[in-house]
Amino acid sequence: MKIQLKTALLDTFADDPSRLDAERTVFAACSHPYIVEMDYAFQTPAHAILVLGLVTAGDLQTALDEARGNRLPEARARFYAAEMVLALSHLHDLGLMYRDLKPCNVMLHQDGHSKLADMGGVAEFADNTVLAERNLADGAV
């Protein structure tokens, strides 16, 4: 399991701890093969802790940095892109919009697949409008 400490977020969002709970709620609602799974979540007075599924092959940014000419082979890039489209489509089906798609948020699984991570920037759709400030922790998912 990968343990993601959200210490900085507790300090940043001390005035609104429900924003941290919103990320946990999104992870809990998003069971999909190309989205990192959350196994557990808990909070101490100093830390919010998300225990996420083990992903040992790093992230897409690292793979790009290590690739010749900072490029992946086209077939591999298309493969990862297709998986991310499926993950984003799943979020859209749930009425959610992922607003932080970048290579460091695409984890590479040891089985060769990619998984979307970091649900902290997810927002909810409502009548074709993004409710950026709505609290997903209220059960709106």
C-alpha atoms as a PDB file:
ATOM      1  CA  MET A   1       0.000   0.000   0.000  1.00  0.00           C
ATOM      2  CA  LYS A   2       1.101   3.551  -0.646  1.00  0.00           C
ATOM      3  CA  ILE A   3       0.476   5.930   2.241  1.00  0.00           C
ATOM      4  CA  GLN A   4      -0.157   9.509   1.201  1.00  0.00           C
ATOM      5  CA  LEU A   5       0.245  12.031   4.006  1.00  0.00           C
ATOM      6  CA  LYS A   6      -1.813  15.172   3.586  1.00  0.00           C
ATOM      7  CA  THR A   7       0.017  17.128   6.292  1.00  0.00           C
ATOM      8  CA  ALA A   8       0.419  20.254   4.174  1.00  0.00           C
ATOM      9  CA  LEU A   9      -3.266  20.227   3.342  1.00  0.00           C
ATOM     10  CA  LEU A  10      -4.259  20.143   6.997  1.00  0.00           C
ATOM     11  CA  ASP A  11      -2.245  23.315   7.531  1.00  0.00           C
ATOM     12  CA  THR A  12      -3.511  24.941   4.332  1.00  0.00           C
ATOM     13  CA  PHE A  13      -7.167  24.075   4.923  1.00  0.00           C
ATOM     14  CA  ALA A  14      -7.275  24.389   8.704  1.00  0.00           C
ATOM     15  CA  ASP A  15     -10.217  26.786   8.361  1.00  0.00           C
ATOM     16  CA  ASP A  16     -12.167  24.296   6.190  1.00  0.00           C
ATOM     17  CA  PRO A  17     -11.269  20.653   6.992  1.00  0.00           C
ATOM     18  CA  SER A  18     -14.263  19.429   4.963  1.00  0.00           C
ATOM     19  CA  ARG A  19     -12.228  20.027   1.781  1.00  0.00           C
ATOM     20  CA  LEU A  20      -9.933  17.175   2.820  1.00  0.00           C
ATOM     21  CA  ASP A  21     -12.942  14.999   3.485  1.00  0.00           C
ATOM     22  CA  ALA A  22     -14.173  15.779  -0.034  1.00  0.00           C
ATOM     23  CA  GLU A  23     -11.082  14.100  -1.550  1.00  0.00           C
ATOM     24  CA  ARG A  24     -11.685  11.031   0.595  1.00  0.00           C
ATOM     25  CA  THR A  25     -15.325  10.967  -0.492  1.00  0.00           C
ATOM     26  CA  VAL A  26     -14.373  11.123  -4.167  1.00  0.00           C
ATOM     27  CA  PHE A  27     -11.839   8.289  -3.808  1.00  0.00           C
ATOM     28  CA  ALA A  28     -14.451   6.204  -1.978  1.00  0.00           C
ATOM     29  CA  ALA A  29     -17.015   6.742  -4.761  1.00  0.00           C
ATOM     30  CA  CYS A  30     -14.661   6.049  -7.675  1.00  0.00           C
ATOM     31  CA  SER A  31     -14.159   2.336  -8.019  1.00  0.00           C
ATOM     32  CA  HIS A  32     -12.578   2.014 -11.466  1.00  0.00           C
ATOM     33  CA  PRO A  33      -9.657   0.010 -12.904  1.00  0.00           C
ATOM     34  CA  TYR A  34      -7.824   3.181 -13.996  1.00  0.00           C
ATOM     35  CA  ILE A  35      -8.303   5.205 -10.810  1.00  0.00           C
ATOM     36  CA  VAL A  36      -6.077   4.553  -7.787  1.00  0.00           C
ATOM     37  CA  GLU A  37      -8.143   2.795  -5.138  1.00  0.00           C
ATOM     38  CA  MET A  38      -8.358   4.016  -1.561  1.00  0.00           C
ATOM     39  CA  ASP A  39      -8.088   1.224   0.991  1.00  0.00           C
ATOM     40  CA  TYR A  40      -8.469   3.275   4.168  1.00  0.00           C
ATOM     41  CA  ALA A  41      -8.673   6.877   5.351  1.00  0.00           C
ATOM     42  CA  PHE A  42      -8.244   8.262   8.835  1.00  0.00           C
ATOM     43  CA  GLN A  43      -7.229  11.449  10.579  1.00  0.00           C
ATOM     44  CA  THR A  44      -5.217  12.302  13.652  1.00  0.00           C
ATOM     45  CA  PRO A  45      -5.065  15.781  15.164  1.00  0.00           C
ATOM     46  CA  ALA A  46      -1.991  16.499  13.004  1.00  0.00           C
ATOM     47  CA  HIS A  47      -2.442  14.401   9.857  1.00  0.00           C
ATOM     48  CA  ALA A  48      -5.020  13.317   7.329  1.00  0.00           C
ATOM     49  CA  ILE A  49      -3.987   9.942   5.948  1.00  0.00           C
ATOM     50  CA  LEU A  50      -5.222   8.222   2.813  1.00  0.00           C
ATOM     51  CA  VAL A  51      -4.030   4.650   2.384  1.00  0.00           C
ATOM     52  CA  LEU A  52      -4.056   4.058  -1.357  1.00  0.00           C
ATOM     53  CA  GLY A  53      -3.490   0.938  -3.424  1.00  0.00           C
ATOM     54  CA  LEU A  54       0.107  -0.011  -4.108  1.00  0.00           C
ATOM     55  CA  VAL A  55       1.449   1.439  -7.363  1.00  0.00           C
ATOM     56  CA  THR A  56       5.165   0.662  -7.680  1.00  0.00           C
ATOM     57  CA  ALA A  57       6.101   1.750 -11.211  1.00  0.00           C
ATOM     58  CA  GLY A  58       6.163   5.489 -10.466  1.00  0.00           C
ATOM     59  CA  ASP A  59       4.284   8.183 -12.319  1.00  0.00           C
ATOM     60  CA  LEU A  60       4.030   9.337 -15.911  1.00  0.00           C
ATOM     61  CA  GLN A  61       6.174  12.437 -15.268  1.00  0.00           C
ATOM     62  CA  THR A  62       9.075  10.276 -14.086  1.00  0.00           C
ATOM     63  CA  ALA A  63       8.634   7.941 -17.065  1.00  0.00           C
ATOM     64  CA  LEU A  64       8.746  10.938 -19.420  1.00  0.00           C
ATOM     65  CA  ASP A  65      11.817  12.356 -17.684  1.00  0.00           C
ATOM     66  CA  GLU A  66      13.608   9.012 -18.042  1.00  0.00           C
ATOM     67  CA  ALA A  67      12.539   8.353 -21.651  1.00  0.00           C
ATOM     68  CA  ARG A  68      14.791   9.150 -24.600  1.00  0.00           C
ATOM     69  CA  GLY A  69      14.039  12.681 -25.716  1.00  0.00           C
ATOM     70  CA  ASN A  70      11.365  12.933 -22.991  1.00  0.00           C
ATOM     71  CA  ARG A  71       8.986  10.961 -25.222  1.00  0.00           C
ATOM     72  CA  LEU A  72       7.315   7.626 -24.762  1.00  0.00           C
ATOM     73  CA  PRO A  73       6.845   5.298 -27.718  1.00  0.00           C
ATOM     74  CA  GLU A  74       3.639   6.318 -29.508  1.00  0.00           C
ATOM     75  CA  ALA A  75       1.862   3.026 -28.808  1.00  0.00           C
ATOM     76  CA  ARG A  76       2.560   3.353 -25.065  1.00  0.00           C
ATOM     77  CA  ALA A  77       1.415   7.011 -25.036  1.00  0.00           C
ATOM     78  CA  ARG A  78      -1.829   6.082 -26.824  1.00  0.00           C
ATOM     79  CA  PHE A  79      -2.393   3.231 -24.369  1.00  0.00           C
ATOM     80  CA  TYR A  80      -2.044   5.514 -21.331  1.00  0.00           C
ATOM     81  CA  ALA A  81      -4.166   8.219 -22.987  1.00  0.00           C
ATOM     82  CA  ALA A  82      -6.975   5.720 -23.670  1.00  0.00           C
ATOM     83  CA  GLU A  83      -6.948   4.570 -20.045  1.00  0.00           C
ATOM     84  CA  MET A  84      -7.093   8.167 -18.802  1.00  0.00           C
ATOM     85  CA  VAL A  85     -10.037   8.881 -21.129  1.00  0.00           C
ATOM     86  CA  LEU A  86     -11.860   5.914 -19.563  1.00  0.00           C
ATOM     87  CA  ALA A  87     -11.038   7.122 -16.027  1.00  0.00           C
ATOM     88  CA  LEU A  88     -12.188  10.674 -16.815  1.00  0.00           C
ATOM     89  CA  SER A  89     -15.333   9.340 -18.482  1.00  0.00           C
ATOM     90  CA  HIS A  90     -16.126   7.371 -15.318  1.00  0.00           C
ATOM     91  CA  LEU A  91     -15.763  10.520 -13.220  1.00  0.00           C
ATOM     92  CA  HIS A  92     -18.007  12.417 -15.649  1.00  0.00           C
ATOM     93  CA  ASP A  93     -20.607   9.640 -15.378  1.00  0.00           C
ATOM     94  CA  LEU A  94     -20.589  10.310 -11.620  1.00  0.00           C
ATOM     95  CA  GLY A  95     -21.114  14.028 -12.257  1.00  0.00           C
ATOM     96  CA  LEU A  96     -17.522  14.895 -11.378  1.00  0.00           C
ATOM     97  CA  MET A  97     -14.857  16.852 -13.256  1.00  0.00           C
ATOM     98  CA  TYR A  98     -11.149  16.162 -12.742  1.00  0.00           C
ATOM     99  CA  ARG A  99      -9.333  19.511 -12.854  1.00  0.00           C
ATOM    100  CA  ASP A 100      -5.701  18.547 -12.286  1.00  0.00           C
ATOM    101  CA  LEU A 101      -4.700  16.245 -15.137  1.00  0.00           C
ATOM    102  CA  LYS A 102      -0.926  16.286 -15.487  1.00  0.00           C
ATOM    103  CA  PRO A 103       1.762  13.604 -15.824  1.00  0.00           C
ATOM    104  CA  CYS A 104       2.635  13.504 -12.112  1.00  0.00           C
ATOM    105  CA  ASN A 105      -1.006  12.603 -11.300  1.00  0.00           C
ATOM    106  CA  VAL A 106      -0.972   9.577 -13.616  1.00  0.00           C
ATOM    107  CA  MET A 107       0.475   6.643 -11.696  1.00  0.00           C
ATOM    108  CA  LEU A 108       1.974   3.697 -13.553  1.00  0.00           C
ATOM    109  CA  HIS A 109       0.974   0.321 -12.186  1.00  0.00           C
ATOM    110  CA  GLN A 110       3.389  -2.592 -12.112  1.00  0.00           C
ATOM    111  CA  ASP A 111       1.085  -4.510 -14.495  1.00  0.00           C
ATOM    112  CA  GLY A 112       1.666  -1.899 -17.230  1.00  0.00           C
ATOM    113  CA  HIS A 113      -1.565   0.042 -16.804  1.00  0.00           C
ATOM    114  CA  SER A 114      -2.010   3.655 -15.700  1.00  0.00           C
ATOM    115  CA  LYS A 115      -4.133   4.949 -12.828  1.00  0.00           C
ATOM    116  CA  LEU A 116      -5.415   8.443 -12.129  1.00  0.00           C
ATOM    117  CA  ALA A 117      -4.493   9.795  -8.679  1.00  0.00           C
ATOM    118  CA  ASP A 118      -4.998  12.936  -6.562  1.00  0.00           C
ATOM    119  CA  MET A 119      -8.705  13.672  -6.309  1.00  0.00           C
ATOM    120  CA  GLY A 120      -8.163  16.922  -4.401  1.00  0.00           C
ATOM    121  CA  GLY A 121      -9.140  19.124  -7.350  1.00  0.00           C
ATOM    122  CA  VAL A 122     -12.301  17.298  -8.384  1.00  0.00           C
ATOM    123  CA  ALA A 123     -15.423  19.436  -8.784  1.00  0.00           C
ATOM    124  CA  GLU A 124     -19.057  18.522  -9.263  1.00  0.00           C
ATOM    125  CA  PHE A 125     -21.114  19.208 -12.385  1.00  0.00           C
ATOM    126  CA  ALA A 126     -24.639  20.574 -11.951  1.00  0.00           C
ATOM    127  CA  ASP A 127     -26.772  21.627 -14.929  1.00  0.00           C
ATOM    128  CA  ASN A 128     -23.613  21.973 -17.063  1.00  0.00           C
ATOM    129  CA  THR A 129     -22.097  24.279 -14.445  1.00  0.00           C
ATOM    130  CA  VAL A 130     -19.129  23.396 -12.281  1.00  0.00           C
ATOM    131  CA  LEU A 131     -19.764  23.944  -8.610  1.00  0.00           C
ATOM    132  CA  ALA A 132     -16.139  24.475  -7.647  1.00  0.00           C
ATOM    133  CA  GLU A 133     -16.835  25.377  -4.045  1.00  0.00           C
ATOM    134  CA  ARG A 134     -19.493  22.757  -3.280  1.00  0.00           C
ATOM    135  CA  ASN A 135     -18.547  20.344  -0.574  1.00  0.00           C
ATOM    136  CA  LEU A 136     -18.631  16.787  -1.921  1.00  0.00           C
ATOM    137  CA  ALA A 137     -18.475  15.447   1.614  1.00  0.00           C
ATOM    138  CA  ASP A 138     -22.163  16.257   2.073  1.00  0.00           C
ATOM    139  CA  GLY A 139     -23.006  13.108   0.126  1.00  0.00           C
ATOM    140  CA  ALA A 140     -23.451  14.839  -3.216  1.00  0.00           C
ATOM    141  CA  VAL A 141     -21.422  12.211  -5.043  1.00  0.00           C
END
